[in-house]
Amino acid sequence: MKQNIKAGDEVVVLAGNQRGDRGKVLQVFPRRQRVIVEGVNKRKHHERKTQDNPEGAIVERENPIHLSNVMKAALYDQKRGSAPA
């Protein structure tokens, strides 16, 4: 499947709880067909105690979403016939 989304692109989420949200692509996993979008699909992650982080912590991180659920923002705006917000 052809993939035209790269890290740094602005995309719009097409499906799921955060449908309509825009964000920058942080990372792309082509073999798994998944992308990590800034500020989208955040989950809590428990971190171990380490020398750098002696208390441990609960951190929110972005999780990957499927490539088919995002579209480049420019193409989205062009298809919707509207200017970017």
N, C-alpha and C. Protein backbone atom coordinates (compact mmCIF):
# COMPACT_ATOMS: atom_id res chain seq x y z
N MET A 1 0.84 -1.17 0.00
CA MET A 1 0.00 0.00 0.00
C MET A 1 0.89 1.24 0.00
N LYS A 2 0.58 2.19 -0.86
CA LYS A 2 1.37 3.40 -0.95
C LYS A 2 1.12 4.28 0.27
N GLN A 3 2.21 4.78 0.82
CA GLN A 3 2.10 5.62 2.01
C GLN A 3 2.73 6.96 1.69
N ASN A 4 1.96 8.03 1.82
CA ASN A 4 2.47 9.35 1.47
C ASN A 4 2.55 10.27 2.68
N ILE A 5 2.44 9.72 3.87
CA ILE A 5 2.54 10.53 5.08
C ILE A 5 3.92 10.34 5.68
N LYS A 6 4.57 11.46 5.99
CA LYS A 6 5.92 11.43 6.53
C LYS A 6 5.97 12.18 7.85
N ALA A 7 7.02 11.96 8.61
CA ALA A 7 7.19 12.66 9.88
C ALA A 7 7.27 14.16 9.59
N GLY A 8 6.58 14.95 10.41
CA GLY A 8 6.56 16.39 10.23
C GLY A 8 5.34 16.90 9.49
N ASP A 9 4.61 16.03 8.80
CA ASP A 9 3.39 16.44 8.09
C ASP A 9 2.28 16.77 9.09
N GLU A 10 1.42 17.73 8.71
CA GLU A 10 0.24 18.00 9.52
C GLU A 10 -0.89 17.13 8.98
N VAL A 11 -1.56 16.40 9.89
CA VAL A 11 -2.62 15.49 9.48
C VAL A 11 -3.88 15.75 10.29
N VAL A 12 -5.00 15.23 9.77
CA VAL A 12 -6.30 15.29 10.43
C VAL A 12 -6.72 13.85 10.72
N VAL A 13 -7.23 13.60 11.92
CA VAL A 13 -7.70 12.26 12.29
C VAL A 13 -9.10 12.08 11.71
N LEU A 14 -9.32 10.97 11.00
CA LEU A 14 -10.58 10.72 10.31
C LEU A 14 -11.54 9.84 11.09
N ALA A 15 -11.04 9.04 12.03
CA ALA A 15 -11.90 8.09 12.73
C ALA A 15 -11.46 7.98 14.18
N GLY A 16 -12.40 7.57 15.02
CA GLY A 16 -12.09 7.35 16.42
C GLY A 16 -12.57 8.49 17.31
N ASN A 17 -12.19 8.42 18.57
CA ASN A 17 -12.64 9.42 19.55
C ASN A 17 -12.16 10.82 19.22
N GLN A 18 -11.01 10.94 18.61
CA GLN A 18 -10.45 12.26 18.32
C GLN A 18 -10.60 12.66 16.87
N ARG A 19 -11.70 12.23 16.26
CA ARG A 19 -11.97 12.57 14.86
C ARG A 19 -12.02 14.08 14.71
N GLY A 20 -11.33 14.59 13.68
CA GLY A 20 -11.32 16.01 13.41
C GLY A 20 -10.13 16.73 14.02
N ASP A 21 -9.42 16.09 14.93
CA ASP A 21 -8.25 16.72 15.54
C ASP A 21 -7.10 16.79 14.55
N ARG A 22 -6.34 17.87 14.64
CA ARG A 22 -5.16 18.05 13.80
C ARG A 22 -3.92 17.94 14.65
N GLY A 23 -2.85 17.45 14.02
CA GLY A 23 -1.60 17.35 14.74
C GLY A 23 -0.46 17.05 13.79
N LYS A 24 0.75 17.20 14.30
CA LYS A 24 1.95 16.93 13.51
C LYS A 24 2.35 15.48 13.71
N VAL A 25 2.76 14.81 12.64
CA VAL A 25 3.22 13.43 12.72
C VAL A 25 4.60 13.42 13.34
N LEU A 26 4.74 12.69 14.46
CA LEU A 26 6.02 12.60 15.14
C LEU A 26 6.86 11.45 14.62
N GLN A 27 6.20 10.33 14.31
CA GLN A 27 6.92 9.13 13.89
C GLN A 27 6.02 8.28 13.01
N VAL A 28 6.63 7.56 12.07
CA VAL A 28 5.89 6.69 11.15
C VAL A 28 6.48 5.29 11.23
N PHE A 29 5.61 4.28 11.31
CA PHE A 29 6.02 2.88 11.31
C PHE A 29 5.45 2.23 10.05
N PRO A 30 6.20 2.25 8.94
CA PRO A 30 5.64 1.79 7.66
C PRO A 30 5.26 0.31 7.64
N ARG A 31 6.04 -0.55 8.26
CA ARG A 31 5.70 -1.99 8.23
C ARG A 31 4.43 -2.29 9.01
N ARG A 32 4.23 -1.58 10.11
CA ARG A 32 3.03 -1.77 10.92
C ARG A 32 1.87 -0.91 10.45
N GLN A 33 2.14 -0.01 9.50
CA GLN A 33 1.15 0.92 8.95
C GLN A 33 0.52 1.76 10.05
N ARG A 34 1.36 2.34 10.90
CA ARG A 34 0.88 3.16 12.00
C ARG A 34 1.69 4.45 12.09
N VAL A 35 1.07 5.48 12.67
CA VAL A 35 1.73 6.76 12.86
C VAL A 35 1.46 7.25 14.29
N ILE A 36 2.38 8.05 14.80
CA ILE A 36 2.17 8.72 16.08
C ILE A 36 1.94 10.19 15.77
N VAL A 37 0.78 10.70 16.20
CA VAL A 37 0.40 12.08 15.95
C VAL A 37 0.45 12.84 17.27
N GLU A 38 1.05 14.01 17.22
CA GLU A 38 1.22 14.83 18.41
C GLU A 38 -0.13 15.21 19.04
N GLY A 39 -0.31 14.86 20.31
CA GLY A 39 -1.51 15.22 21.04
C GLY A 39 -2.72 14.35 20.79
N VAL A 40 -2.56 13.25 20.04
CA VAL A 40 -3.68 12.38 19.70
C VAL A 40 -3.44 10.98 20.27
N ASN A 41 -4.49 10.34 20.79
CA ASN A 41 -4.45 8.98 21.31
C ASN A 41 -3.48 8.86 22.48
N LYS A 42 -3.61 9.74 23.45
CA LYS A 42 -2.73 9.71 24.62
C LYS A 42 -3.19 8.63 25.60
N ARG A 43 -2.21 7.93 26.16
CA ARG A 43 -2.45 6.91 27.16
C ARG A 43 -1.49 7.11 28.32
N LYS A 44 -1.89 6.68 29.51
CA LYS A 44 -1.02 6.79 30.67
C LYS A 44 -0.04 5.61 30.68
N HIS A 45 1.22 5.91 30.98
CA HIS A 45 2.28 4.90 30.99
C HIS A 45 3.00 4.99 32.34
N HIS A 46 3.11 3.88 33.04
CA HIS A 46 3.79 3.85 34.33
C HIS A 46 5.27 3.61 34.11
N GLU A 47 6.09 4.51 34.60
CA GLU A 47 7.54 4.37 34.43
C GLU A 47 8.17 3.86 35.71
N ARG A 48 9.17 3.01 35.55
CA ARG A 48 9.90 2.44 36.69
C ARG A 48 10.74 3.48 37.39
N LYS A 49 11.11 3.16 38.61
CA LYS A 49 12.07 3.99 39.32
C LYS A 49 13.46 3.74 38.73
N THR A 50 14.18 4.80 38.44
CA THR A 50 15.53 4.70 37.92
C THR A 50 16.39 5.75 38.62
N GLN A 51 17.67 5.76 38.32
CA GLN A 51 18.53 6.79 38.90
C GLN A 51 18.13 8.17 38.39
N ASP A 52 17.73 8.25 37.14
CA ASP A 52 17.30 9.53 36.59
C ASP A 52 15.96 9.97 37.16
N ASN A 53 15.09 9.01 37.45
CA ASN A 53 13.75 9.29 37.95
C ASN A 53 13.51 8.46 39.21
N PRO A 54 14.04 8.89 40.36
CA PRO A 54 13.99 8.06 41.56
C PRO A 54 12.58 7.82 42.11
N GLU A 55 11.64 8.66 41.79
CA GLU A 55 10.28 8.50 42.29
C GLU A 55 9.43 7.58 41.42
N GLY A 56 9.84 7.39 40.16
CA GLY A 56 8.95 6.74 39.21
C GLY A 56 7.89 7.75 38.80
N ALA A 57 7.04 7.44 37.86
CA ALA A 57 6.04 8.42 37.45
C ALA A 57 4.97 7.76 36.59
N ILE A 58 3.87 8.48 36.46
CA ILE A 58 2.84 8.11 35.49
C ILE A 58 2.85 9.21 34.45
N VAL A 59 3.18 8.83 33.22
CA VAL A 59 3.37 9.80 32.14
C VAL A 59 2.34 9.54 31.05
N GLU A 60 1.82 10.62 30.45
CA GLU A 60 0.94 10.46 29.29
C GLU A 60 1.77 10.49 28.03
N ARG A 61 1.57 9.50 27.17
CA ARG A 61 2.30 9.41 25.91
C ARG A 61 1.31 9.20 24.78
N GLU A 62 1.74 9.61 23.58
CA GLU A 62 0.93 9.35 22.40
C GLU A 62 1.16 7.91 21.96
N ASN A 63 0.08 7.22 21.63
CA ASN A 63 0.18 5.87 21.09
C ASN A 63 -0.09 5.91 19.59
N PRO A 64 0.43 4.92 18.86
CA PRO A 64 0.22 4.92 17.41
C PRO A 64 -1.23 4.68 17.02
N ILE A 65 -1.63 5.26 15.89
CA ILE A 65 -2.94 4.99 15.31
C ILE A 65 -2.72 4.53 13.87
N HIS A 66 -3.70 3.84 13.32
CA HIS A 66 -3.54 3.26 11.99
C HIS A 66 -3.48 4.34 10.92
N LEU A 67 -2.68 4.07 9.92
CA LEU A 67 -2.43 5.00 8.82
C LEU A 67 -3.72 5.36 8.08
N SER A 68 -4.66 4.43 8.02
CA SER A 68 -5.91 4.69 7.29
C SER A 68 -6.81 5.67 8.03
N ASN A 69 -6.51 5.96 9.29
CA ASN A 69 -7.34 6.87 10.07
C ASN A 69 -6.84 8.30 10.06
N VAL A 70 -5.83 8.60 9.25
CA VAL A 70 -5.34 9.97 9.14
C VAL A 70 -5.24 10.38 7.67
N MET A 71 -5.31 11.70 7.45
CA MET A 71 -5.18 12.25 6.10
C MET A 71 -4.41 13.55 6.22
N LYS A 72 -3.59 13.85 5.23
CA LYS A 72 -2.87 15.12 5.24
C LYS A 72 -3.86 16.27 5.34
N ALA A 73 -3.52 17.26 6.15
CA ALA A 73 -4.43 18.38 6.41
C ALA A 73 -4.74 19.16 5.14
N ALA A 74 -3.75 19.36 4.29
CA ALA A 74 -3.96 20.13 3.05
C ALA A 74 -4.96 19.41 2.15
N LEU A 75 -4.82 18.10 2.02
CA LEU A 75 -5.73 17.32 1.19
C LEU A 75 -7.13 17.31 1.80
N TYR A 76 -7.21 17.22 3.12
CA TYR A 76 -8.49 17.23 3.83
C TYR A 76 -9.22 18.55 3.57
N ASP A 77 -8.49 19.67 3.71
CA ASP A 77 -9.11 20.98 3.47
C ASP A 77 -9.55 21.14 2.04
N GLN A 78 -8.77 20.62 1.10
CA GLN A 78 -9.10 20.71 -0.32
C GLN A 78 -10.37 19.92 -0.61
N LYS A 79 -10.50 18.71 -0.03
CA LYS A 79 -11.69 17.89 -0.28
C LYS A 79 -12.93 18.48 0.39
N ARG A 80 -12.74 19.11 1.56
CA ARG A 80 -13.85 19.71 2.28
C ARG A 80 -14.25 21.06 1.70
N GLY A 81 -13.37 21.64 0.89
CA GLY A 81 -13.66 22.93 0.29
C GLY A 81 -13.61 24.07 1.27
N SER A 82 -12.77 23.91 2.30
CA SER A 82 -12.68 24.97 3.30
C SER A 82 -11.23 25.34 3.55
N ALA A 83 -11.04 26.52 4.10
CA ALA A 83 -9.71 26.98 4.45
C ALA A 83 -9.32 26.39 5.80
N PRO A 84 -8.02 26.27 6.08
CA PRO A 84 -7.61 25.75 7.38
C PRO A 84 -8.09 26.65 8.52
N ALA A 85 -8.41 26.03 9.64
CA ALA A 85 -8.94 26.78 10.78
C ALA A 85 -7.84 27.50 11.54
